[in-house]
Amino acid sequence: MKSTFPLFPDSASALSEHVDILYVIWVLISLFFTALIFGLIIFFMARYRRRHFEEVGADERAALWLEILWSAVPLLIMLVMCGWGMRVFFELYRPPADAVEYTAIGKQWMWKVQHPDGQREINALHVPVGQSIRMRLASEDVIHSFYIPAFRVKQDAVPGRYTSLWFRAEKPGTYHLFCAEYCGTEHSRMIGSVIVMEQRDYENWLSGGTAGKSMVASGADLFTARACVTCHRATP
């Protein structure tokens, strides 16, 4: 029977496994050194405890090689983990050249999503399996955070600027979409779904959806309607 309280969310993107391995290794290293230090403290407390009230311990001097060892080993481990973490970080924040751009706008309290060819949806994101997706994020009011646990991606949507993240879904299915930044009284209800579909199913869904103008075309219309062209059109 499937657990109702899983330790990890689903792993459904190209990089989610990399993030999980890094996390698990860090936890194991932390537990190992925690147990080692705790055990040594208990051992030394028992082994070198004061047996008489007047007893005074003799000065101890550790060997030079031991001083170097317990400084060099943690340093080496930290450098390796830092390099590994940086590699995963750059993979997470550098979308591949073939990534298709989608747009998500955060608003109290919903996500407004637009596909490259103009389809729009609220609190839902349909994507094809195996396609690299670059999400361009913004906010209409306060800071939100676009978070898909199954893909191990999270990025703030900030008013007045664009941010981005990317993912490539590897397993068809429906996955949670959350706002991970407290944004007001209805923050807990700012949830949605990412629906990963086979390419043919995704194309069928697109053909039955309501298409609108792309972000670029809508921006061009607004630019003209507000008479921005009178001052800001580029001169040849």
Protein backbone atom coordinates (compact mmCIF):
# COMPACT_ATOMS: atom_id res chain seq x y z
CA MET A 1 0.00 0.00 0.00
CA LYS A 2 1.34 3.43 -0.90
CA SER A 3 2.38 5.50 2.09
CA THR A 4 0.23 8.53 2.86
CA PHE A 5 3.25 10.28 4.35
CA PRO A 6 6.18 9.78 1.95
CA LEU A 7 9.63 10.93 3.05
CA PHE A 8 10.26 12.39 -0.41
CA PRO A 9 7.92 13.79 -3.05
CA ASP A 10 7.81 12.10 -6.43
CA SER A 11 10.99 12.34 -8.48
CA ALA A 12 9.82 13.23 -11.97
CA SER A 13 12.31 15.56 -13.68
CA ALA A 14 15.70 15.25 -15.33
CA LEU A 15 17.56 16.83 -12.39
CA SER A 16 15.49 15.74 -9.39
CA GLU A 17 17.63 12.64 -8.90
CA HIS A 18 20.81 14.74 -8.84
CA VAL A 19 19.34 16.97 -6.13
CA ASP A 20 18.19 13.95 -4.08
CA ILE A 21 21.59 12.23 -4.22
CA LEU A 22 23.35 15.41 -3.12
CA TYR A 23 20.89 15.86 -0.26
CA VAL A 24 21.16 12.24 0.94
CA ILE A 25 24.98 12.30 0.88
CA TRP A 26 25.01 15.55 2.89
CA VAL A 27 22.63 14.04 5.46
CA LEU A 28 24.71 10.86 5.79
CA ILE A 29 27.95 12.83 6.23
CA SER A 30 26.28 15.06 8.83
CA LEU A 31 24.90 12.06 10.74
CA PHE A 32 28.26 10.30 10.66
CA PHE A 33 30.16 13.23 12.14
CA THR A 34 27.40 13.95 14.64
CA ALA A 35 27.54 10.35 15.88
CA LEU A 36 31.36 10.37 15.88
CA ILE A 37 31.65 13.58 17.90
CA PHE A 38 28.89 12.57 20.32
CA GLY A 39 30.48 9.16 20.83
CA LEU A 40 33.93 10.65 21.44
CA ILE A 41 32.51 13.12 23.97
CA ILE A 42 30.87 10.27 25.94
CA PHE A 43 34.05 8.15 25.71
CA PHE A 44 36.33 10.95 26.92
CA MET A 45 33.92 11.88 29.71
CA ALA A 46 34.06 8.29 30.99
CA ARG A 47 37.71 7.59 30.30
CA TYR A 48 39.21 10.79 31.66
CA ARG A 49 36.72 11.68 34.36
CA ARG A 50 38.06 13.05 37.68
CA ARG A 51 38.23 10.14 40.14
CA HIS A 52 39.20 12.20 43.18
CA PHE A 53 38.15 15.68 44.19
CA GLU A 54 41.77 16.90 44.48
CA GLU A 55 42.90 15.24 41.27
CA VAL A 56 44.21 17.59 38.56
CA GLY A 57 44.65 16.36 35.02
CA ALA A 58 48.01 16.51 33.26
CA ASP A 59 48.48 18.69 30.19
CA GLU A 60 48.03 16.85 26.90
CA ARG A 61 49.71 17.63 23.59
CA ALA A 62 48.35 16.13 20.40
CA ALA A 63 50.75 14.97 17.70
CA LEU A 64 51.24 17.34 14.78
CA TRP A 65 50.00 14.78 12.26
CA LEU A 66 46.76 14.43 14.23
CA GLU A 67 46.21 18.21 14.24
CA ILE A 68 46.72 18.30 10.47
CA LEU A 69 44.49 15.28 9.91
CA TRP A 70 41.43 16.55 11.76
CA SER A 71 41.72 19.90 9.96
CA ALA A 72 42.51 18.60 6.47
CA VAL A 73 39.86 15.86 6.27
CA PRO A 74 36.83 18.11 6.99
CA LEU A 75 38.27 20.76 4.67
CA LEU A 76 38.62 18.24 1.85
CA ILE A 77 35.08 16.92 2.40
CA MET A 78 33.67 20.47 2.37
CA LEU A 79 35.54 21.37 -0.84
CA VAL A 80 34.26 18.24 -2.61
CA MET A 81 30.68 18.86 -1.50
CA CYS A 82 30.93 22.55 -2.42
CA GLY A 83 32.11 21.67 -5.94
CA TRP A 84 29.39 19.04 -6.30
CA GLY A 85 26.73 21.46 -5.05
CA MET A 86 27.90 24.19 -7.44
CA ARG A 87 27.67 21.78 -10.36
CA VAL A 88 24.08 20.83 -9.50
CA PHE A 89 23.24 24.52 -8.93
CA PHE A 90 24.48 25.55 -12.37
CA GLU A 91 22.61 22.65 -13.98
CA LEU A 92 19.42 23.81 -12.27
CA TYR A 93 19.74 27.45 -13.32
CA ARG A 94 21.12 27.16 -16.86
CA PRO A 95 18.34 26.06 -19.23
CA PRO A 96 19.41 24.12 -22.32
CA ALA A 97 19.36 25.82 -25.71
CA ASP A 98 16.28 23.86 -26.86
CA ALA A 99 14.12 24.95 -23.89
CA VAL A 100 10.64 26.25 -24.80
CA GLU A 101 9.59 29.37 -22.91
CA TYR A 102 6.35 29.51 -20.93
CA THR A 103 5.18 32.40 -18.75
CA ALA A 104 3.70 32.29 -15.25
CA ILE A 105 2.42 35.40 -13.48
CA GLY A 106 1.75 35.26 -9.75
CA LYS A 107 -1.22 37.16 -8.38
CA GLN A 108 -2.99 37.01 -5.02
CA TRP A 109 -3.85 34.17 -5.03
CA MET A 110 -3.37 32.29 -8.27
CA TRP A 111 -0.89 31.42 -11.01
CA LYS A 112 -1.73 32.68 -14.49
CA VAL A 113 0.11 30.58 -17.06
CA GLN A 114 0.58 31.25 -20.76
CA HIS A 115 1.92 28.81 -23.35
CA PRO A 116 4.24 29.87 -26.21
CA ASP A 117 1.40 29.89 -28.76
CA GLY A 118 -1.00 31.81 -26.52
CA GLN A 119 -3.01 29.18 -24.61
CA ARG A 120 -3.77 30.34 -21.08
CA GLU A 121 -4.75 28.56 -17.89
CA ILE A 122 -5.16 29.32 -14.20
CA ASN A 123 -3.43 27.26 -11.50
CA ALA A 124 -2.57 24.57 -14.02
CA LEU A 125 0.33 23.92 -16.34
CA HIS A 126 0.16 21.32 -19.10
CA VAL A 127 3.54 20.30 -20.52
CA PRO A 128 4.80 17.51 -22.78
CA VAL A 129 7.02 14.81 -21.32
CA GLY A 130 10.69 15.03 -22.30
CA GLN A 131 10.57 18.70 -23.36
CA SER A 132 12.82 21.23 -21.63
CA ILE A 133 10.63 24.04 -20.30
CA ARG A 134 11.89 27.48 -19.28
CA MET A 135 9.41 29.28 -17.05
CA ARG A 136 9.57 33.07 -17.15
CA LEU A 137 8.14 34.34 -13.86
CA ALA A 138 6.79 37.67 -12.65
CA SER A 139 4.31 38.98 -10.10
CA GLU A 140 1.47 41.50 -10.27
CA ASP A 141 1.51 42.37 -6.57
CA VAL A 142 3.79 40.80 -3.93
CA ILE A 143 6.59 38.24 -3.93
CA HIS A 144 5.40 34.73 -4.76
CA SER A 145 7.46 31.59 -5.25
CA PHE A 146 6.89 29.05 -8.03
CA TYR A 147 7.55 25.63 -6.50
CA ILE A 148 7.16 22.15 -8.03
CA PRO A 149 8.39 19.62 -5.41
CA ALA A 150 8.46 16.66 -7.80
CA PHE A 151 10.84 18.54 -10.10
CA ARG A 152 12.97 19.97 -7.24
CA VAL A 153 12.66 23.50 -8.64
CA LYS A 154 11.65 26.69 -6.84
CA GLN A 155 12.06 30.32 -7.85
CA ASP A 156 10.64 33.60 -6.54
CA ALA A 157 8.31 35.63 -8.74
CA VAL A 158 9.14 39.25 -7.97
CA PRO A 159 7.12 42.38 -8.85
CA GLY A 160 8.79 44.65 -11.37
CA ARG A 161 11.23 42.12 -12.81
CA TYR A 162 11.44 38.75 -14.52
CA THR A 163 13.00 35.64 -13.03
CA SER A 164 13.18 32.16 -14.52
CA LEU A 165 13.65 28.46 -13.86
CA TRP A 166 13.68 25.39 -16.06
CA PHE A 167 12.79 21.70 -15.86
CA ARG A 168 12.33 18.68 -18.06
CA ALA A 169 9.56 16.36 -16.89
CA GLU A 170 10.40 12.69 -17.37
CA LYS A 171 7.24 10.96 -16.11
CA PRO A 172 3.65 11.59 -17.22
CA GLY A 173 1.34 12.40 -14.36
CA THR A 174 -0.11 15.21 -12.27
CA TYR A 175 2.15 16.99 -9.78
CA HIS A 176 1.68 19.68 -7.15
CA LEU A 177 2.38 23.34 -7.86
CA PHE A 178 2.70 25.58 -4.79
CA CYS A 179 3.47 29.14 -3.87
CA ALA A 180 6.36 28.76 -1.40
CA GLU A 181 6.53 32.39 -0.25
CA TYR A 182 3.97 33.74 2.21
CA CYS A 183 1.95 36.20 0.17
CA GLY A 184 -1.15 37.05 2.18
CA THR A 185 -4.20 35.62 3.92
CA GLU A 186 -5.03 33.11 1.16
CA HIS A 187 -1.44 31.95 0.62
CA SER A 188 -2.24 28.37 1.63
CA ARG A 189 -4.83 28.16 -1.16
CA MET A 190 -2.45 29.32 -3.90
CA ILE A 191 -1.94 25.83 -5.24
CA GLY A 192 -2.18 24.27 -8.67
CA SER A 193 -1.16 21.28 -10.76
CA VAL A 194 1.45 20.49 -13.37
CA ILE A 195 0.05 17.97 -15.83
CA VAL A 196 2.77 16.10 -17.74
CA MET A 197 1.42 14.49 -20.90
CA GLU A 198 2.70 12.38 -23.76
CA GLN A 199 3.46 14.49 -26.81
CA ARG A 200 0.41 13.33 -28.75
CA ASP A 201 -1.91 13.92 -25.79
CA TYR A 202 -0.40 17.34 -25.26
CA GLU A 203 -0.97 18.30 -28.90
CA ASN A 204 -4.58 17.12 -28.65
CA TRP A 205 -5.01 19.22 -25.50
CA LEU A 206 -3.57 22.26 -27.26
CA SER A 207 -5.86 21.86 -30.23
CA GLY A 208 -8.88 21.89 -27.92
CA GLY A 209 -7.67 24.80 -25.80
CA THR A 210 -8.50 28.47 -26.14
CA ALA A 211 -5.64 30.25 -27.81
CA GLY A 212 -4.86 33.87 -27.23
CA LYS A 213 -2.14 36.18 -28.34
CA SER A 214 1.40 35.51 -27.22
CA MET A 215 3.02 37.70 -24.57
CA VAL A 216 5.01 39.50 -27.25
CA ALA A 217 1.94 40.23 -29.38
CA SER A 218 -0.11 41.32 -26.37
CA GLY A 219 2.69 43.62 -25.28
CA ALA A 220 2.89 45.14 -28.75
CA ASP A 221 -0.85 45.85 -28.74
CA LEU A 222 -0.63 47.46 -25.31
CA PHE A 223 2.39 49.49 -26.42
CA THR A 224 0.34 50.91 -29.27
CA ALA A 225 -2.93 51.33 -27.35
CA ARG A 226 -1.30 53.38 -24.59
CA ALA A 227 0.41 55.63 -27.16
CA CYS A 228 3.85 54.55 -25.97
CA VAL A 229 4.87 54.58 -29.63
CA THR A 230 4.83 58.39 -29.67
CA CYS A 231 7.91 58.61 -27.44
CA HIS A 232 9.57 55.23 -27.31
CA ARG A 233 9.60 53.85 -30.84
CA ALA A 234 13.13 53.19 -32.01
CA THR A 235 14.21 55.57 -34.76
CA PRO A 236 15.84 54.07 -37.84
